[in-house]
Amino acid sequence: MRTLALGFTTLFVLCCLALGCGGKKTNPGAATPTGSSAMDDPIALLPSAPLVAGNVDAKAFFASASAGAQIAQLVEKLVPIGEEAGFSPSRDVERVVFGVYSMQGADVAAVIVGKLDPQKIRALAASQAPTKGGGVLVASQYAGRDLYTISNVGFTVLSERLALAGSETGIRRTLDRIKDGRVKRDMPEWMIQVLETQGAAVAVAGDFTNQPVAAPGGGMFNLGFVQQMKTARVLANFKEPGVQVAASIGFPDGAQAGQAAEAITKLIGIGNLAGITIRDPKVAVAQNDVQATFAVDDQMLRTLATSLPQWLGMR
């Protein structure tokens, strides 16, 4: 069985990885939940040492005046289960917390926070009735829990408020932590602070100190600086004229940060020439970091949300 990321996390992960970080951080000295309280903490549920971790406010996406309606329609299409399982992502998902890992290739573990109906999901799997996506929900057991798969999508329901999704390795590693009583916040404190930034629709942190990012080669884009990145922080919010993004990327030294800033500035210019509207871009170097802010307008968001089904091979 090969389990891929659960459909209703796809859009959120794409948005997070596409956005640039920074901003005001909250709860810097927050205590790590322990015992039963840790089971209610999405950050504590994630496996240790993520390359990238993110927190997405799903309600902010769906409520956005800019592209909320298009995003809701897209996510409803992506999710292979619906009302037959008592579930509607645009209605029931509140938050997605995810980690990207280098376990057996690229693996993902995502915790979905919202409203779930475990009994309806269990009954749907038992009935073998087709879901709205046309597939059949199949149940198996791992670590004492029901693990569901449908059309290469996998997830497990932890409670009426929490579900776990991701790659097969990501899901199993998370369930092993739960079974062994090892649930705790197991990532660097600075990453936790980014994820808990108050008011952020998207908050993403990346730690590439021990695992460099492979830079795409060829073409007109100079992305060599990607391999030199050590850390990245991302925040995004829905504000006029659409989405405002603040980013901070750390490099080994100031010289490399300066080269990266030049490359990013050129990329922004190329994007604008290609019709990708990036408003009010500001790129600066602060010691070893590149700090950038920019905005993406409403129309760009609507176009992206409308075009994604075609890019993903959907009608």
Protein backbone atom coordinates (compact mmCIF):
# COMPACT_ATOMS: atom_id res chain seq x y z
CA MET A 1 0.00 0.00 0.00
CA ARG A 2 1.34 3.36 -0.96
CA THR A 3 -0.41 6.18 0.92
CA LEU A 4 -0.18 9.73 -0.39
CA ALA A 5 -1.12 13.01 1.25
CA LEU A 6 -4.80 13.26 2.03
CA GLY A 7 -6.63 15.24 -0.63
CA PHE A 8 -7.87 18.05 1.57
CA THR A 9 -4.30 18.89 2.64
CA THR A 10 -3.05 19.23 -0.93
CA LEU A 11 -4.07 22.82 -1.55
CA PHE A 12 -2.82 23.99 1.83
CA VAL A 13 0.58 22.38 1.42
CA LEU A 14 0.96 23.82 -2.08
CA CYS A 15 0.09 27.27 -0.78
CA CYS A 16 2.55 26.97 2.09
CA LEU A 17 5.44 25.77 -0.05
CA ALA A 18 4.74 28.44 -2.66
CA LEU A 19 4.86 31.32 -0.19
CA GLY A 20 7.92 33.00 1.05
CA CYS A 21 8.28 34.28 6.55
CA GLY A 22 8.88 36.47 9.60
CA GLY A 23 6.54 38.43 11.78
CA LYS A 24 5.63 38.69 15.42
CA LYS A 25 5.96 35.44 17.35
CA THR A 26 3.90 34.38 20.31
CA ASN A 27 4.26 32.00 23.23
CA PRO A 28 8.08 31.78 23.04
CA GLY A 29 8.22 30.12 26.43
CA ALA A 30 5.10 27.99 26.16
CA ALA A 31 5.37 24.72 28.04
CA THR A 32 5.40 21.49 26.05
CA PRO A 33 2.14 19.60 26.55
CA THR A 34 2.56 16.20 28.19
CA GLY A 35 0.42 13.13 28.82
CA SER A 36 -3.16 13.19 27.57
CA SER A 37 -3.02 16.91 26.76
CA ALA A 38 -0.33 16.22 24.16
CA MET A 39 -2.84 14.11 22.21
CA ASP A 40 -4.85 17.29 21.64
CA ASP A 41 -1.79 19.22 20.41
CA PRO A 42 -1.23 18.90 16.62
CA ILE A 43 2.39 20.07 16.92
CA ALA A 44 3.14 17.41 19.55
CA LEU A 45 1.63 14.70 17.35
CA LEU A 46 4.03 15.37 14.47
CA PRO A 47 7.17 13.22 14.21
CA SER A 48 10.48 14.78 15.22
CA ALA A 49 12.94 16.74 13.07
CA PRO A 50 10.82 18.00 10.16
CA LEU A 51 12.60 19.69 7.28
CA VAL A 52 9.56 21.93 6.88
CA ALA A 53 6.68 22.44 9.31
CA GLY A 54 3.60 24.54 8.75
CA ASN A 55 0.35 25.71 10.26
CA VAL A 56 -2.55 26.71 8.00
CA ASP A 57 -5.69 28.46 9.18
CA ALA A 58 -8.23 26.74 6.92
CA LYS A 59 -11.08 28.96 8.06
CA ALA A 60 -9.12 32.05 7.00
CA PHE A 61 -8.70 30.57 3.51
CA PHE A 62 -12.36 29.70 3.12
CA ALA A 63 -13.53 33.03 4.56
CA SER A 64 -11.21 35.10 2.38
CA ALA A 65 -13.07 37.71 0.37
CA SER A 66 -10.39 37.49 -2.31
CA ALA A 67 -10.54 33.84 -3.41
CA GLY A 68 -12.33 32.01 -0.61
CA ALA A 69 -15.16 30.76 -2.81
CA GLN A 70 -12.79 29.41 -5.47
CA ILE A 71 -10.55 27.79 -2.84
CA ALA A 72 -13.57 26.12 -1.19
CA GLN A 73 -14.75 24.72 -4.54
CA LEU A 74 -11.27 23.43 -5.35
CA VAL A 75 -10.79 21.70 -2.01
CA GLU A 76 -14.23 20.09 -2.25
CA LYS A 77 -13.14 18.63 -5.60
CA LEU A 78 -9.82 17.39 -4.24
CA VAL A 79 -11.27 15.53 -1.27
CA PRO A 80 -12.34 11.98 -2.21
CA ILE A 81 -14.97 11.71 0.56
CA GLY A 82 -17.90 13.98 1.34
CA GLU A 83 -21.29 13.99 3.00
CA GLU A 84 -21.50 10.21 2.72
CA ALA A 85 -18.82 10.27 5.45
CA GLY A 86 -20.38 13.24 7.24
CA PHE A 87 -17.57 15.46 6.02
CA SER A 88 -17.21 18.70 4.06
CA PRO A 89 -13.71 20.26 4.17
CA SER A 90 -14.86 23.84 3.60
CA ARG A 91 -17.32 23.44 6.47
CA ASP A 92 -15.49 21.12 8.86
CA VAL A 93 -11.71 21.77 8.57
CA GLU A 94 -10.40 24.49 10.86
CA ARG A 95 -6.66 24.01 10.83
CA VAL A 96 -3.95 21.93 9.15
CA VAL A 97 -0.56 21.38 10.83
CA PHE A 98 1.97 19.48 8.73
CA GLY A 99 5.56 18.31 8.64
CA VAL A 100 7.69 17.36 5.63
CA TYR A 101 10.42 14.78 6.29
CA SER A 102 13.25 12.93 4.61
CA MET A 103 12.49 9.42 5.90
CA GLN A 104 12.07 7.20 2.84
CA GLY A 105 12.17 9.86 0.18
CA ALA A 106 9.89 12.84 0.78
CA ASP A 107 7.31 12.01 3.45
CA VAL A 108 4.50 14.07 4.90
CA ALA A 109 2.53 13.90 8.14
CA ALA A 110 -0.42 16.25 8.54
CA VAL A 111 -2.81 16.72 11.44
CA ILE A 112 -6.27 17.94 10.45
CA VAL A 113 -8.20 19.82 13.13
CA GLY A 114 -11.94 20.22 12.76
CA LYS A 115 -15.17 18.28 12.97
CA LEU A 116 -15.18 14.56 12.11
CA ASP A 117 -17.68 11.73 12.37
CA PRO A 118 -15.70 8.52 13.10
CA GLN A 119 -18.85 6.36 13.11
CA LYS A 120 -19.96 7.49 9.65
CA ILE A 121 -16.46 7.00 8.26
CA ARG A 122 -16.28 3.51 9.78
CA ALA A 123 -19.73 2.66 8.43
CA LEU A 124 -18.82 3.90 4.95
CA ALA A 125 -15.74 1.66 4.87
CA ALA A 126 -17.78 -1.33 6.06
CA SER A 127 -20.47 -0.76 3.43
CA GLN A 128 -17.97 -0.74 0.53
CA ALA A 129 -20.25 1.84 -1.11
CA PRO A 130 -18.68 4.19 -3.66
CA THR A 131 -17.69 7.59 -2.31
CA LYS A 132 -18.33 10.89 -4.09
CA GLY A 133 -14.95 10.45 -5.80
CA GLY A 134 -16.03 7.07 -7.16
CA GLY A 135 -13.59 4.99 -5.11
CA VAL A 136 -14.19 2.65 -2.19
CA LEU A 137 -12.92 3.43 1.30
CA VAL A 138 -10.79 0.52 2.53
CA ALA A 139 -9.98 0.01 6.21
CA SER A 140 -6.94 -1.76 7.62
CA GLN A 141 -5.30 -1.84 11.04
CA TYR A 142 -2.03 -0.34 12.21
CA ALA A 143 -0.85 0.34 15.77
CA GLY A 144 -4.33 -0.49 17.05
CA ARG A 145 -6.11 2.10 14.87
CA ASP A 146 -8.17 2.07 11.70
CA LEU A 147 -6.14 3.23 8.72
CA TYR A 148 -8.27 4.20 5.71
CA THR A 149 -7.18 4.37 2.09
CA ILE A 150 -9.01 5.47 -1.03
CA SER A 151 -7.50 6.04 -4.47
CA ASN A 152 -3.96 6.14 -3.00
CA VAL A 153 -5.07 8.59 -0.30
CA GLY A 154 -4.57 7.60 3.33
CA PHE A 155 -5.80 8.89 6.68
CA THR A 156 -6.70 7.78 10.17
CA VAL A 157 -9.20 9.37 12.57
CA LEU A 158 -7.73 10.04 16.00
CA SER A 159 -10.84 11.61 17.54
CA GLU A 160 -13.92 13.64 16.61
CA ARG A 161 -11.58 16.66 16.38
CA LEU A 162 -8.37 15.26 14.89
CA ALA A 163 -7.40 13.23 11.84
CA LEU A 164 -3.95 12.21 10.62
CA ALA A 165 -3.01 12.16 6.94
CA GLY A 166 0.15 11.88 4.89
CA SER A 167 2.49 9.45 3.22
CA GLU A 168 2.43 5.87 4.48
CA THR A 169 5.73 6.33 6.31
CA GLY A 170 4.58 9.64 7.82
CA ILE A 171 1.32 8.14 9.09
CA ARG A 172 2.95 5.02 10.51
CA ARG A 173 5.72 6.95 12.25
CA THR A 174 3.14 9.20 13.88
CA LEU A 175 0.99 6.26 14.99
CA ASP A 176 4.09 4.55 16.42
CA ARG A 177 4.76 7.64 18.54
CA ILE A 178 1.20 7.55 19.84
CA LYS A 179 1.28 3.83 20.60
CA ASP A 180 4.64 4.10 22.40
CA GLY A 181 3.58 7.12 24.48
CA ARG A 182 6.18 9.39 22.87
CA VAL A 183 3.84 12.24 21.91
CA LYS A 184 5.55 15.54 22.67
CA ARG A 185 6.71 18.68 20.90
CA ASP A 186 9.77 17.40 19.15
CA MET A 187 10.99 20.20 16.88
CA PRO A 188 13.21 23.24 17.52
CA GLU A 189 11.60 25.94 19.65
CA TRP A 190 12.08 28.60 16.97
CA MET A 191 10.01 26.50 14.54
CA ILE A 192 7.24 26.15 17.12
CA GLN A 193 7.23 29.91 17.63
CA VAL A 194 6.76 30.46 13.89
CA LEU A 195 3.87 27.97 13.74
CA GLU A 196 2.18 29.69 16.70
CA THR A 197 2.39 33.19 15.25
CA GLN A 198 -0.82 34.93 16.23
CA GLY A 199 -3.16 35.87 13.42
CA ALA A 200 -1.20 34.25 10.57
CA ALA A 201 -3.25 32.49 7.91
CA VAL A 202 -0.13 30.57 6.91
CA ALA A 203 2.99 30.04 9.02
CA VAL A 204 5.85 27.88 7.71
CA ALA A 205 9.31 27.13 9.10
CA GLY A 206 12.11 25.23 7.37
CA ASP A 207 15.35 23.88 8.84
CA PHE A 208 17.79 22.76 6.15
CA THR A 209 20.95 22.77 8.29
CA ASN A 210 21.48 19.01 7.95
CA GLN A 211 19.55 18.43 4.73
CA PRO A 212 20.26 20.90 1.92
CA VAL A 213 17.51 21.62 -0.57
CA ALA A 214 18.14 20.45 -4.12
CA ALA A 215 17.94 23.39 -6.51
CA PRO A 216 16.18 22.93 -9.87
CA GLY A 217 18.58 23.35 -12.75
CA GLY A 218 18.37 24.87 -16.20
CA GLY A 219 16.07 27.47 -17.65
CA MET A 220 16.19 31.22 -17.19
CA PHE A 221 15.79 31.05 -13.42
CA ASN A 222 18.86 31.23 -11.18
CA LEU A 223 17.88 29.06 -8.22
CA GLY A 224 21.35 28.04 -7.09
CA PHE A 225 20.92 30.00 -3.85
CA VAL A 226 18.29 27.46 -2.75
CA GLN A 227 21.02 24.92 -1.99
CA GLN A 228 22.67 27.36 0.43
CA MET A 229 19.57 28.02 2.53
CA LYS A 230 19.88 27.07 6.20
CA THR A 231 16.56 28.27 7.61
CA ALA A 232 13.35 29.77 6.32
CA ARG A 233 10.38 31.40 8.00
CA VAL A 234 7.13 32.26 6.23
CA LEU A 235 4.03 34.19 7.23
CA ALA A 236 1.08 35.09 5.03
CA ASN A 237 -2.21 36.85 5.64
CA PHE A 238 -5.25 37.84 3.62
CA LYS A 239 -5.07 41.61 3.36
CA GLU A 240 -5.57 44.09 0.55
CA PRO A 241 -4.84 43.65 -2.29
CA GLY A 242 -4.99 39.87 -1.70
CA VAL A 243 -2.32 37.95 0.20
CA GLN A 244 0.57 39.67 1.96
CA VAL A 245 3.69 37.61 2.53
CA ALA A 246 6.74 38.21 4.73
CA ALA A 247 9.80 35.97 4.36
CA SER A 248 13.16 35.54 6.06
CA ILE A 249 15.73 33.08 4.69
CA GLY A 250 18.99 32.35 6.52
CA PHE A 251 22.33 31.69 4.81
CA PRO A 252 25.81 30.70 6.06
CA ASP A 253 27.18 34.23 5.63
CA GLY A 254 26.34 37.72 4.47
CA ALA A 255 27.96 37.30 1.06
CA GLN A 256 25.73 34.38 0.16
CA ALA A 257 22.71 36.25 1.50
CA GLY A 258 23.59 39.18 -0.77
CA GLN A 259 23.84 36.92 -3.83
CA ALA A 260 20.50 35.32 -2.95
CA ALA A 261 18.85 38.73 -2.58
CA GLU A 262 20.02 39.70 -6.07
CA ALA A 263 18.71 36.43 -7.52
CA ILE A 264 15.33 36.80 -5.78
CA THR A 265 14.98 40.38 -7.04
CA LYS A 266 15.61 39.19 -10.60
CA LEU A 267 13.08 36.37 -10.18
CA ILE A 268 10.43 38.85 -9.10
CA GLY A 269 11.13 40.94 -12.20
CA ILE A 270 10.90 37.91 -14.48
CA GLY A 271 7.64 36.88 -12.82
CA ASN A 272 6.09 40.28 -13.40
CA LEU A 273 7.15 40.20 -17.04
CA ALA A 274 5.52 36.78 -17.36
CA GLY A 275 2.23 38.14 -16.03
CA ILE A 276 2.58 36.94 -12.43
CA THR A 277 1.60 40.09 -10.56
CA ILE A 278 3.75 40.58 -7.45
CA ARG A 279 2.98 43.89 -5.79
CA ASP A 280 5.19 46.07 -3.60
CA PRO A 281 8.17 43.69 -3.44
CA LYS A 282 10.88 44.61 -0.95
CA VAL A 283 14.07 42.53 -0.66
CA ALA A 284 16.84 43.37 1.81
CA VAL A 285 19.81 41.73 3.53
CA ALA A 286 20.12 41.77 7.32
CA GLN A 287 23.41 40.14 8.34
CA ASN A 288 23.08 36.53 7.08
CA ASP A 289 19.38 36.72 6.25
CA VAL A 290 17.40 37.74 3.20
CA GLN A 291 14.17 39.44 4.23
CA ALA A 292 11.42 39.95 1.71
CA THR A 293 7.85 41.18 1.66
CA PHE A 294 5.38 41.26 -1.21
CA ALA A 295 1.69 40.97 -2.05
CA VAL A 296 -0.23 38.82 -4.51
CA ASP A 297 -3.45 40.40 -5.78
CA ASP A 298 -6.95 38.93 -5.65
CA GLN A 299 -7.21 38.19 -9.35
CA MET A 300 -3.99 36.16 -9.25
CA LEU A 301 -5.39 34.06 -6.41
CA ARG A 302 -8.65 33.44 -8.24
CA THR A 303 -6.77 32.44 -11.38
CA LEU A 304 -4.58 30.04 -9.39
CA ALA A 305 -7.55 28.43 -7.63
CA THR A 306 -9.41 28.09 -10.93
CA SER A 307 -6.42 26.67 -12.84
CA LEU A 308 -5.20 24.13 -10.26
CA PRO A 309 -7.70 21.38 -11.23
CA GLN A 310 -6.40 21.42 -14.79
CA TRP A 311 -2.78 21.35 -13.59
CA LEU A 312 -3.60 18.42 -11.31
CA GLY A 313 -5.23 16.50 -14.15
CA MET A 314 -8.78 17.13 -12.97
CA ARG A 315 -11.74 18.31 -15.05
